[in-house]
């Protein structure tokens, strides 16, 4: 069992993804102003999710299809473990420096951006799965969070904690990404 996990982790580039997620979110989290702009937390979450998204696809899809076991539970576990890792990284930065954002904002952003990465893996493949979460987090740097429903929709990762519309959007994106990636896997 442990040999299979090691081989799976290596084939999905987990060690490199883990190192990139730790370094990227750590540096961005340390450089952000404490308790300041939630856009920095959203972008740090997007960086961590992007590092995990690269490993959502295997090297040979035909080989994955011929396996003697079902892939949907393993895909879901891979995605959930990656999201949990990223969701723990930013609050861990708060142990060394001042917290970048409340834990609820970090968790909401990781759920929604992780779902975007999973949808990106289904639509574009693992090599480009990082682009939807990074682009959406980058969009929050341009579009200020406002009162208009379009601005709230576009800037949901930068909304303050307890914003119902941002939480609903994140949950819908996270759930849709988890279901789609678990069922269909990664595009070639």
N, C-alpha and C. Protein backbone atom coordinates (compact mmCIF):
# COMPACT_ATOMS: atom_id res chain seq x y z
N UNK A 1 0.82 -1.19 0.00
CA UNK A 1 0.00 0.00 0.00
C UNK A 1 0.86 1.26 0.00
N UNK A 2 1.89 1.27 0.84
CA UNK A 2 2.72 2.47 0.92
C UNK A 2 3.52 2.66 -0.36
N UNK A 3 3.91 1.58 -1.02
CA UNK A 3 4.64 1.71 -2.29
C UNK A 3 3.74 2.35 -3.35
N UNK A 4 2.46 1.97 -3.37
CA UNK A 4 1.53 2.57 -4.33
C UNK A 4 1.39 4.07 -4.07
N UNK A 5 1.31 4.46 -2.79
CA UNK A 5 1.18 5.88 -2.46
C UNK A 5 2.41 6.67 -2.89
N UNK A 6 3.59 6.09 -2.70
CA UNK A 6 4.82 6.77 -3.11
C UNK A 6 4.86 6.92 -4.63
N UNK A 7 4.52 5.87 -5.34
CA UNK A 7 4.51 5.94 -6.81
C UNK A 7 3.46 6.93 -7.31
N UNK A 8 2.30 6.93 -6.67
CA UNK A 8 1.25 7.88 -7.06
C UNK A 8 1.71 9.31 -6.81
N UNK A 9 2.31 9.54 -5.66
CA UNK A 9 2.79 10.89 -5.33
C UNK A 9 3.86 11.35 -6.32
N UNK A 10 4.75 10.48 -6.69
CA UNK A 10 5.79 10.86 -7.65
C UNK A 10 5.21 11.09 -9.04
N UNK A 11 4.25 10.27 -9.46
CA UNK A 11 3.68 10.44 -10.79
C UNK A 11 2.84 11.71 -10.89
N UNK A 12 2.29 12.16 -9.78
CA UNK A 12 1.48 13.38 -9.76
C UNK A 12 2.28 14.60 -9.31
N UNK A 13 3.59 14.48 -9.24
CA UNK A 13 4.51 15.58 -8.94
C UNK A 13 4.21 16.22 -7.58
N UNK A 14 3.83 15.40 -6.62
CA UNK A 14 3.46 15.92 -5.30
C UNK A 14 4.66 16.54 -4.57
N UNK A 15 5.86 15.96 -4.59
CA UNK A 15 6.96 16.61 -3.86
C UNK A 15 7.29 18.01 -4.40
N UNK A 16 7.31 18.16 -5.70
CA UNK A 16 7.60 19.47 -6.29
C UNK A 16 6.45 20.44 -6.03
N UNK A 17 5.22 19.96 -6.15
CA UNK A 17 4.06 20.81 -5.87
C UNK A 17 4.05 21.27 -4.42
N UNK A 18 4.38 20.36 -3.53
CA UNK A 18 4.42 20.70 -2.11
C UNK A 18 5.46 21.78 -1.84
N UNK A 19 6.65 21.61 -2.40
CA UNK A 19 7.70 22.61 -2.21
C UNK A 19 7.30 23.96 -2.79
N UNK A 20 6.71 23.96 -3.98
CA UNK A 20 6.29 25.21 -4.61
C UNK A 20 5.18 25.89 -3.81
N UNK A 21 4.24 25.10 -3.30
CA UNK A 21 3.16 25.68 -2.50
C UNK A 21 3.68 26.29 -1.21
N UNK A 22 4.58 25.60 -0.55
CA UNK A 22 5.14 26.11 0.70
C UNK A 22 5.93 27.39 0.47
N UNK A 23 6.80 27.38 -0.53
CA UNK A 23 7.63 28.56 -0.80
C UNK A 23 6.78 29.73 -1.30
N UNK A 24 5.88 29.47 -2.26
CA UNK A 24 5.07 30.54 -2.83
C UNK A 24 4.14 31.20 -1.83
N UNK A 25 3.37 30.38 -1.13
CA UNK A 25 2.43 30.96 -0.16
C UNK A 25 3.17 31.54 1.04
N UNK A 26 4.26 30.92 1.41
CA UNK A 26 5.04 31.43 2.54
C UNK A 26 5.63 32.81 2.24
N UNK A 27 6.26 32.95 1.10
CA UNK A 27 6.84 34.25 0.75
C UNK A 27 5.79 35.32 0.57
N UNK A 28 4.70 34.98 -0.12
CA UNK A 28 3.64 35.97 -0.31
C UNK A 28 2.96 36.30 1.01
N UNK A 29 2.78 35.31 1.86
CA UNK A 29 2.17 35.55 3.16
C UNK A 29 3.04 36.40 4.07
N UNK A 30 4.35 36.18 4.03
CA UNK A 30 5.26 36.98 4.85
C UNK A 30 5.38 38.41 4.34
N UNK A 31 5.25 38.60 3.03
CA UNK A 31 5.41 39.95 2.48
C UNK A 31 4.13 40.78 2.55
N UNK A 32 2.99 40.15 2.84
CA UNK A 32 1.72 40.88 2.91
C UNK A 32 1.65 41.68 4.21
N UNK A 33 0.88 42.73 4.17
CA UNK A 33 0.69 43.54 5.37
C UNK A 33 -0.28 42.83 6.30
N UNK A 34 0.01 42.84 7.59
CA UNK A 34 -0.85 42.13 8.53
C UNK A 34 -2.24 42.75 8.62
N UNK A 35 -3.24 41.87 8.55
CA UNK A 35 -4.62 42.31 8.67
C UNK A 35 -5.04 43.30 7.60
N UNK A 36 -4.26 43.37 6.53
CA UNK A 36 -4.51 44.37 5.50
C UNK A 36 -5.43 43.87 4.41
N UNK A 37 -4.97 43.99 3.21
CA UNK A 37 -5.76 43.74 2.02
C UNK A 37 -6.04 42.24 1.85
N UNK A 38 -7.31 41.83 1.79
CA UNK A 38 -7.61 40.41 1.59
C UNK A 38 -7.24 39.93 0.19
N UNK A 39 -6.94 40.85 -0.72
CA UNK A 39 -6.52 40.43 -2.06
C UNK A 39 -5.18 39.70 -2.01
N UNK A 40 -4.32 40.07 -1.07
CA UNK A 40 -3.04 39.37 -0.93
C UNK A 40 -3.27 37.94 -0.47
N UNK A 41 -4.20 37.74 0.44
CA UNK A 41 -4.53 36.39 0.90
C UNK A 41 -5.13 35.57 -0.23
N UNK A 42 -5.98 36.21 -1.05
CA UNK A 42 -6.58 35.51 -2.18
C UNK A 42 -5.51 35.09 -3.18
N UNK A 43 -4.56 35.99 -3.43
CA UNK A 43 -3.51 35.65 -4.39
C UNK A 43 -2.57 34.59 -3.83
N UNK A 44 -2.29 34.63 -2.53
CA UNK A 44 -1.47 33.58 -1.91
C UNK A 44 -2.18 32.23 -1.97
N UNK A 45 -3.48 32.23 -1.73
CA UNK A 45 -4.26 30.98 -1.85
C UNK A 45 -4.24 30.49 -3.29
N UNK A 46 -4.34 31.41 -4.25
CA UNK A 46 -4.29 31.01 -5.67
C UNK A 46 -2.94 30.43 -6.03
N UNK A 47 -1.87 30.97 -5.48
CA UNK A 47 -0.54 30.41 -5.74
C UNK A 47 -0.41 28.99 -5.21
N UNK A 48 -0.90 28.78 -4.00
CA UNK A 48 -0.85 27.44 -3.42
C UNK A 48 -1.70 26.45 -4.20
N UNK A 49 -2.89 26.87 -4.59
CA UNK A 49 -3.78 26.01 -5.37
C UNK A 49 -3.16 25.73 -6.74
N UNK A 50 -2.52 26.71 -7.34
CA UNK A 50 -1.88 26.52 -8.64
C UNK A 50 -0.76 25.49 -8.55
N UNK A 51 -0.02 25.51 -7.47
CA UNK A 51 1.05 24.52 -7.30
C UNK A 51 0.48 23.11 -7.18
N UNK A 52 -0.64 22.98 -6.50
CA UNK A 52 -1.29 21.67 -6.36
C UNK A 52 -1.93 21.24 -7.68
N UNK A 53 -2.45 22.20 -8.45
CA UNK A 53 -3.19 21.89 -9.68
C UNK A 53 -2.32 21.23 -10.74
N UNK A 54 -1.04 21.48 -10.71
CA UNK A 54 -0.16 20.88 -11.71
C UNK A 54 -0.15 19.36 -11.59
N UNK A 55 -0.35 18.84 -10.39
CA UNK A 55 -0.33 17.39 -10.18
C UNK A 55 -1.68 16.71 -10.30
N UNK A 56 -2.68 17.39 -10.81
CA UNK A 56 -4.01 16.78 -10.89
C UNK A 56 -4.12 15.75 -12.01
N UNK A 57 -3.21 15.74 -12.95
CA UNK A 57 -3.26 14.78 -14.05
C UNK A 57 -2.04 13.88 -14.05
N UNK A 58 -2.22 12.65 -14.49
CA UNK A 58 -1.11 11.73 -14.61
C UNK A 58 -0.44 11.85 -15.95
N UNK A 59 0.63 11.09 -16.13
CA UNK A 59 1.37 11.15 -17.39
C UNK A 59 0.70 10.41 -18.52
N UNK A 60 -0.06 9.36 -18.18
CA UNK A 60 -0.68 8.53 -19.21
C UNK A 60 -2.13 8.25 -18.84
N UNK A 61 -3.05 8.91 -19.53
CA UNK A 61 -4.47 8.75 -19.20
C UNK A 61 -4.96 7.34 -19.52
N UNK A 62 -4.46 6.73 -20.58
CA UNK A 62 -4.87 5.37 -20.92
C UNK A 62 -4.44 4.38 -19.84
N UNK A 63 -3.28 4.60 -19.26
CA UNK A 63 -2.83 3.74 -18.17
C UNK A 63 -3.74 3.91 -16.95
N UNK A 64 -4.16 5.13 -16.68
CA UNK A 64 -5.09 5.36 -15.57
C UNK A 64 -6.42 4.64 -15.81
N UNK A 65 -6.88 4.63 -17.04
CA UNK A 65 -8.17 3.99 -17.34
C UNK A 65 -8.12 2.48 -17.22
N UNK A 66 -6.96 1.87 -17.37
CA UNK A 66 -6.86 0.42 -17.30
C UNK A 66 -6.58 -0.10 -15.89
N UNK A 67 -6.55 0.77 -14.92
CA UNK A 67 -6.28 0.35 -13.55
C UNK A 67 -7.40 -0.54 -13.04
N UNK A 68 -7.06 -1.43 -12.12
CA UNK A 68 -8.02 -2.39 -11.59
C UNK A 68 -8.89 -1.80 -10.48
N UNK A 69 -8.74 -0.53 -10.20
CA UNK A 69 -9.53 0.11 -9.16
C UNK A 69 -10.13 1.40 -9.71
N UNK A 70 -11.12 1.92 -9.00
CA UNK A 70 -11.78 3.13 -9.44
C UNK A 70 -11.00 4.38 -9.09
N UNK A 71 -10.91 5.29 -10.01
CA UNK A 71 -10.17 6.52 -9.80
C UNK A 71 -10.96 7.62 -9.10
N UNK A 72 -12.28 7.71 -9.20
CA UNK A 72 -12.98 8.85 -8.58
C UNK A 72 -12.67 9.08 -7.10
N UNK A 73 -12.66 8.06 -6.24
CA UNK A 73 -12.32 8.35 -4.84
C UNK A 73 -10.88 8.83 -4.67
N UNK A 74 -9.97 8.31 -5.47
CA UNK A 74 -8.58 8.73 -5.37
C UNK A 74 -8.39 10.16 -5.88
N UNK A 75 -9.11 10.51 -6.94
CA UNK A 75 -9.05 11.89 -7.43
C UNK A 75 -9.59 12.85 -6.39
N UNK A 76 -10.72 12.50 -5.79
CA UNK A 76 -11.31 13.36 -4.77
C UNK A 76 -10.37 13.50 -3.58
N UNK A 77 -9.76 12.42 -3.16
CA UNK A 77 -8.82 12.47 -2.04
C UNK A 77 -7.61 13.35 -2.38
N UNK A 78 -7.10 13.21 -3.59
CA UNK A 78 -5.95 14.02 -4.02
C UNK A 78 -6.30 15.51 -3.97
N UNK A 79 -7.45 15.85 -4.50
CA UNK A 79 -7.87 17.25 -4.52
C UNK A 79 -8.13 17.78 -3.11
N UNK A 80 -8.80 17.00 -2.29
CA UNK A 80 -9.11 17.44 -0.92
C UNK A 80 -7.86 17.56 -0.06
N UNK A 81 -6.93 16.63 -0.20
CA UNK A 81 -5.68 16.73 0.56
C UNK A 81 -4.85 17.93 0.13
N UNK A 82 -4.81 18.19 -1.17
CA UNK A 82 -4.09 19.37 -1.65
C UNK A 82 -4.70 20.65 -1.15
N UNK A 83 -6.03 20.73 -1.16
CA UNK A 83 -6.72 21.93 -0.66
C UNK A 83 -6.50 22.08 0.84
N UNK A 84 -6.51 20.97 1.58
CA UNK A 84 -6.28 21.05 3.02
C UNK A 84 -4.87 21.54 3.31
N UNK A 85 -3.91 21.10 2.53
CA UNK A 85 -2.54 21.56 2.72
C UNK A 85 -2.43 23.07 2.51
N UNK A 86 -3.01 23.55 1.42
CA UNK A 86 -2.96 24.98 1.13
C UNK A 86 -3.73 25.77 2.19
N UNK A 87 -4.85 25.23 2.64
CA UNK A 87 -5.65 25.92 3.66
C UNK A 87 -4.91 26.01 4.99
N UNK A 88 -3.97 25.12 5.24
CA UNK A 88 -3.19 25.16 6.48
C UNK A 88 -1.93 26.01 6.35
N UNK A 89 -1.46 26.22 5.12
CA UNK A 89 -0.21 26.95 4.93
C UNK A 89 -0.31 28.42 5.33
N UNK A 90 -1.34 29.12 4.88
CA UNK A 90 -1.43 30.55 5.20
C UNK A 90 -1.63 30.82 6.69
N UNK A 91 -2.49 30.10 7.39
CA UNK A 91 -2.53 30.32 8.84
C UNK A 91 -1.21 29.95 9.52
N UNK A 92 -0.47 28.99 8.95
CA UNK A 92 0.84 28.64 9.51
C UNK A 92 1.82 29.80 9.38
N UNK A 93 1.70 30.57 8.31
CA UNK A 93 2.53 31.77 8.17
C UNK A 93 2.23 32.73 9.31
N UNK A 94 0.98 32.75 9.75
CA UNK A 94 0.59 33.59 10.87
C UNK A 94 1.26 33.22 12.18
N UNK A 95 1.81 32.01 12.29
CA UNK A 95 2.56 31.63 13.48
C UNK A 95 3.93 32.29 13.52
N UNK A 96 4.48 32.58 12.34
CA UNK A 96 5.80 33.20 12.24
C UNK A 96 5.68 34.72 12.21
N UNK A 97 4.70 35.21 11.47
CA UNK A 97 4.47 36.65 11.33
C UNK A 97 3.01 36.93 11.68
N UNK A 98 2.60 38.16 11.45
CA UNK A 98 1.20 38.51 11.69
C UNK A 98 0.32 37.80 10.66
N UNK A 99 -0.90 37.39 11.06
CA UNK A 99 -1.79 36.72 10.10
C UNK A 99 -2.16 37.63 8.94
N UNK A 100 -2.20 37.04 7.75
CA UNK A 100 -2.51 37.80 6.54
C UNK A 100 -4.00 38.10 6.48
N UNK A 101 -4.81 37.11 6.81
CA UNK A 101 -6.27 37.24 6.75
C UNK A 101 -6.87 36.27 7.76
N UNK A 102 -8.13 36.48 8.11
CA UNK A 102 -8.79 35.51 9.00
C UNK A 102 -8.85 34.12 8.36
N UNK A 103 -8.86 33.11 9.19
CA UNK A 103 -8.87 31.74 8.70
C UNK A 103 -10.10 31.45 7.84
N UNK A 104 -11.22 32.09 8.14
CA UNK A 104 -12.44 31.86 7.35
C UNK A 104 -12.27 32.35 5.92
N UNK A 105 -11.58 33.46 5.74
CA UNK A 105 -11.34 33.99 4.39
C UNK A 105 -10.40 33.06 3.63
N UNK A 106 -9.35 32.59 4.30
CA UNK A 106 -8.40 31.69 3.66
C UNK A 106 -9.10 30.40 3.24
N UNK A 107 -9.89 29.83 4.12
CA UNK A 107 -10.59 28.58 3.80
C UNK A 107 -11.57 28.79 2.64
N UNK A 108 -12.33 29.88 2.68
CA UNK A 108 -13.28 30.17 1.59
C UNK A 108 -12.54 30.31 0.26
N UNK A 109 -11.43 31.04 0.26
CA UNK A 109 -10.69 31.25 -0.98
C UNK A 109 -10.08 29.95 -1.50
N UNK A 110 -9.57 29.11 -0.61
CA UNK A 110 -8.99 27.84 -1.04
C UNK A 110 -10.06 26.92 -1.61
N UNK A 111 -11.22 26.90 -1.00
CA UNK A 111 -12.32 26.05 -1.51
C UNK A 111 -12.73 26.50 -2.90
N UNK A 112 -12.99 27.79 -3.07
CA UNK A 112 -13.43 28.29 -4.37
C UNK A 112 -12.36 28.21 -5.44
N UNK A 113 -11.14 28.62 -5.10
CA UNK A 113 -10.05 28.59 -6.08
C UNK A 113 -9.61 27.16 -6.38
N UNK A 114 -9.71 26.28 -5.38
CA UNK A 114 -9.43 24.86 -5.63
C UNK A 114 -10.45 24.24 -6.59
N UNK A 115 -11.71 24.63 -6.43
CA UNK A 115 -12.73 24.17 -7.38
C UNK A 115 -12.47 24.69 -8.78
N UNK A 116 -12.02 25.94 -8.87
CA UNK A 116 -11.65 26.48 -10.19
C UNK A 116 -10.50 25.70 -10.81
N UNK A 117 -9.52 25.34 -9.99
CA UNK A 117 -8.39 24.56 -10.51
C UNK A 117 -8.84 23.19 -10.98
N UNK A 118 -9.75 22.56 -10.24
CA UNK A 118 -10.27 21.25 -10.65
C UNK A 118 -11.07 21.36 -11.94
N UNK A 119 -11.88 22.41 -12.07
CA UNK A 119 -12.60 22.63 -13.33
C UNK A 119 -11.62 22.91 -14.46
N UNK A 120 -10.56 23.66 -14.16
CA UNK A 120 -9.53 23.91 -15.16
C UNK A 120 -8.84 22.64 -15.61
N UNK A 121 -8.62 21.70 -14.67
CA UNK A 121 -8.01 20.42 -15.05
C UNK A 121 -8.94 19.63 -15.96
N UNK A 122 -10.24 19.68 -15.69
CA UNK A 122 -11.20 18.97 -16.53
C UNK A 122 -11.28 19.59 -17.93
N UNK A 123 -11.24 20.90 -18.00
CA UNK A 123 -11.43 21.59 -19.28
C UNK A 123 -10.15 21.76 -20.08
N UNK A 124 -9.04 22.06 -19.40
CA UNK A 124 -7.81 22.44 -20.11
C UNK A 124 -6.66 21.46 -19.91
N UNK A 125 -6.74 20.55 -18.97
CA UNK A 125 -5.65 19.64 -18.67
C UNK A 125 -4.84 20.14 -17.49
N UNK A 126 -3.98 19.26 -16.97
CA UNK A 126 -3.23 19.62 -15.75
C UNK A 126 -2.17 20.68 -16.01
N UNK A 127 -1.68 20.77 -17.23
CA UNK A 127 -0.66 21.78 -17.51
C UNK A 127 -1.20 23.19 -17.45
N UNK A 128 -2.49 23.38 -17.68
CA UNK A 128 -3.10 24.72 -17.64
C UNK A 128 -4.13 24.85 -16.53
N UNK A 129 -4.21 23.87 -15.64
CA UNK A 129 -5.21 23.92 -14.57
C UNK A 129 -4.95 25.05 -13.59
N UNK A 130 -3.75 25.53 -13.53
CA UNK A 130 -3.39 26.62 -12.62
C UNK A 130 -3.97 27.96 -13.07
N UNK A 131 -4.26 28.10 -14.36
CA UNK A 131 -4.61 29.42 -14.89
C UNK A 131 -5.96 29.97 -14.39
N UNK A 132 -7.06 29.20 -14.28
CA UNK A 132 -8.30 29.81 -13.78
C UNK A 132 -8.20 30.41 -12.38
N UNK A 133 -7.60 29.69 -11.38
CA UNK A 133 -7.53 30.34 -10.06
C UNK A 133 -6.60 31.55 -10.03
N UNK A 134 -5.48 31.47 -10.73
CA UNK A 134 -4.55 32.61 -10.72
C UNK A 134 -5.15 33.80 -11.46
N UNK A 135 -5.83 33.54 -12.57
CA UNK A 135 -6.46 34.64 -13.32
C UNK A 135 -7.57 35.29 -12.51
N UNK A 136 -8.39 34.47 -11.82
CA UNK A 136 -9.48 35.05 -11.03
C UNK A 136 -8.93 35.85 -9.85
N UNK A 137 -7.89 35.32 -9.20
CA UNK A 137 -7.28 36.07 -8.10
C UNK A 137 -6.61 37.34 -8.63
N UNK A 138 -6.02 37.27 -9.82
CA UNK A 138 -5.45 38.47 -10.43
C UNK A 138 -6.52 39.48 -10.79
N UNK A 139 -7.69 38.99 -11.15
CA UNK A 139 -8.81 39.88 -11.46
C UNK A 139 -9.23 40.68 -10.23
N UNK A 140 -9.08 40.08 -9.05
CA UNK A 140 -9.45 40.82 -7.83
C UNK A 140 -8.49 41.98 -7.57
N UNK A 141 -7.29 41.93 -8.15
CA UNK A 141 -6.36 43.04 -8.01
C UNK A 141 -6.78 44.23 -8.86
N UNK A 142 -7.56 43.96 -9.91
CA UNK A 142 -7.99 45.01 -10.83
C UNK A 142 -9.39 45.52 -10.50
N UNK A 143 -10.29 44.58 -10.20
CA UNK A 143 -11.68 44.95 -9.91
C UNK A 143 -11.82 45.16 -8.40
N UNK A 144 -12.13 46.37 -7.97
CA UNK A 144 -12.28 46.60 -6.53
C UNK A 144 -13.58 45.97 -6.02
N UNK A 145 -13.56 45.43 -4.81
CA UNK A 145 -14.80 44.90 -4.25
C UNK A 145 -15.76 46.05 -3.98
N UNK A 146 -16.90 46.01 -4.62
CA UNK A 146 -17.87 47.09 -4.48
C UNK A 146 -19.23 46.59 -4.07
N UNK A 147 -20.20 47.44 -4.23
CA UNK A 147 -21.57 47.11 -3.84
C UNK A 147 -22.39 46.53 -4.98
N UNK A 148 -21.97 46.77 -6.21
CA UNK A 148 -22.68 46.25 -7.38
C UNK A 148 -22.55 44.72 -7.39
N UNK A 149 -23.59 44.00 -7.82
CA UNK A 149 -23.56 42.54 -7.79
C UNK A 149 -22.50 41.97 -8.72
N UNK A 150 -22.20 42.66 -9.81
CA UNK A 150 -21.17 42.18 -10.74
C UNK A 150 -19.80 42.30 -10.08
N UNK A 151 -19.55 43.41 -9.41
CA UNK A 151 -18.27 43.58 -8.73
C UNK A 151 -18.12 42.59 -7.58
N UNK A 152 -19.20 42.32 -6.88
CA UNK A 152 -19.14 41.32 -5.80
C UNK A 152 -18.90 39.93 -6.36
N UNK A 153 -19.48 39.63 -7.52
CA UNK A 153 -19.27 38.34 -8.15
C UNK A 153 -17.82 38.19 -8.61
N UNK A 154 -17.30 39.21 -9.26
CA UNK A 154 -15.93 39.12 -9.79
C UNK A 154 -14.87 39.14 -8.69
N UNK A 155 -15.14 39.86 -7.63
CA UNK A 155 -14.15 40.01 -6.56
C UNK A 155 -14.51 39.19 -5.32
N UNK A 156 -15.14 38.04 -5.49
CA UNK A 156 -15.54 37.25 -4.33
C UNK A 156 -14.35 36.83 -3.46
N UNK A 157 -13.15 36.52 -4.02
CA UNK A 157 -12.07 36.12 -3.11
C UNK A 157 -11.58 37.26 -2.21
N UNK A 158 -11.83 38.51 -2.58
CA UNK A 158 -11.36 39.65 -1.81
C UNK A 158 -12.42 40.22 -0.88
N UNK A 159 -13.57 39.59 -0.80
CA UNK A 159 -14.63 40.06 0.08
C UNK A 159 -14.25 39.76 1.54
N UNK A 160 -14.72 40.56 2.47
CA UNK A 160 -14.42 40.29 3.88
C UNK A 160 -15.10 39.00 4.37
N UNK A 161 -14.62 38.52 5.50
CA UNK A 161 -15.21 37.31 6.10
C UNK A 161 -16.67 37.55 6.43
N UNK A 162 -17.48 36.55 6.23
CA UNK A 162 -18.90 36.64 6.56
C UNK A 162 -19.75 37.22 5.45
N UNK A 163 -19.18 37.39 4.25
CA UNK A 163 -19.97 37.86 3.12
C UNK A 163 -20.69 36.66 2.52
N UNK A 164 -22.02 36.61 2.60
CA UNK A 164 -22.74 35.41 2.15
C UNK A 164 -22.56 35.11 0.67
N UNK A 165 -22.57 36.14 -0.18
CA UNK A 165 -22.44 35.88 -1.62
C UNK A 165 -21.09 35.27 -1.96
N UNK A 166 -20.03 35.73 -1.31
CA UNK A 166 -18.70 35.18 -1.57
C UNK A 166 -18.60 33.73 -1.11
N UNK A 167 -19.22 33.44 0.02
CA UNK A 167 -19.19 32.07 0.54
C UNK A 167 -19.98 31.13 -0.37
N UNK A 168 -21.12 31.59 -0.86
CA UNK A 168 -21.94 30.77 -1.75
C UNK A 168 -21.18 30.50 -3.05
N UNK A 169 -20.56 31.53 -3.63
CA UNK A 169 -19.80 31.35 -4.87
C UNK A 169 -18.66 30.38 -4.66
N UNK A 170 -17.94 30.52 -3.55
CA UNK A 170 -16.82 29.61 -3.27
C UNK A 170 -17.31 28.17 -3.10
N UNK A 171 -18.41 27.98 -2.40
CA UNK A 171 -18.93 26.63 -2.19
C UNK A 171 -19.43 26.01 -3.50
N UNK A 172 -20.07 26.80 -4.34
CA UNK A 172 -20.54 26.29 -5.64
C UNK A 172 -19.35 25.91 -6.52
N UNK A 173 -18.35 26.78 -6.59
CA UNK A 173 -17.17 26.47 -7.40
C UNK A 173 -16.42 25.26 -6.85
N UNK A 174 -16.28 25.21 -5.53
CA UNK A 174 -15.58 24.07 -4.91
C UNK A 174 -16.31 22.76 -5.13
N UNK A 175 -17.62 22.77 -4.93
CA UNK A 175 -18.40 21.55 -5.13
C UNK A 175 -18.43 21.10 -6.58
N UNK A 176 -18.62 22.05 -7.50
CA UNK A 176 -18.64 21.70 -8.92
C UNK A 176 -17.28 21.16 -9.37
N UNK A 177 -16.22 21.78 -8.90
CA UNK A 177 -14.88 21.31 -9.27
C UNK A 177 -14.59 19.92 -8.73
N UNK A 178 -14.98 19.68 -7.47
CA UNK A 178 -14.75 18.37 -6.86
C UNK A 178 -15.51 17.28 -7.59
N UNK A 179 -16.78 17.53 -7.87
CA UNK A 179 -17.61 16.52 -8.55
C UNK A 179 -17.11 16.28 -9.97
N UNK A 180 -16.82 17.35 -10.72
CA UNK A 180 -16.38 17.19 -12.11
C UNK A 180 -15.03 16.49 -12.18
N UNK A 181 -14.09 16.90 -11.35
CA UNK A 181 -12.75 16.28 -11.40
C UNK A 181 -12.80 14.83 -10.93
N UNK A 182 -13.57 14.56 -9.90
CA UNK A 182 -13.67 13.19 -9.41
C UNK A 182 -14.29 12.27 -10.44
N UNK A 183 -15.31 12.76 -11.13
CA UNK A 183 -16.03 11.92 -12.09
C UNK A 183 -15.29 11.78 -13.41
N UNK A 184 -14.74 12.85 -13.93
CA UNK A 184 -14.20 12.84 -15.28
C UNK A 184 -12.68 12.86 -15.35
N UNK A 185 -12.02 13.29 -14.31
CA UNK A 185 -10.57 13.34 -14.32
C UNK A 185 -10.06 14.51 -15.13
N UNK A 186 -8.81 14.39 -15.48
CA UNK A 186 -8.12 15.48 -16.16
C UNK A 186 -8.14 15.29 -17.67
N UNK A 187 -8.28 16.39 -18.37
CA UNK A 187 -8.23 16.33 -19.83
C UNK A 187 -6.79 16.13 -20.28
N UNK A 188 -6.62 15.47 -21.40
CA UNK A 188 -5.26 15.26 -21.93
C UNK A 188 -4.59 16.53 -22.26
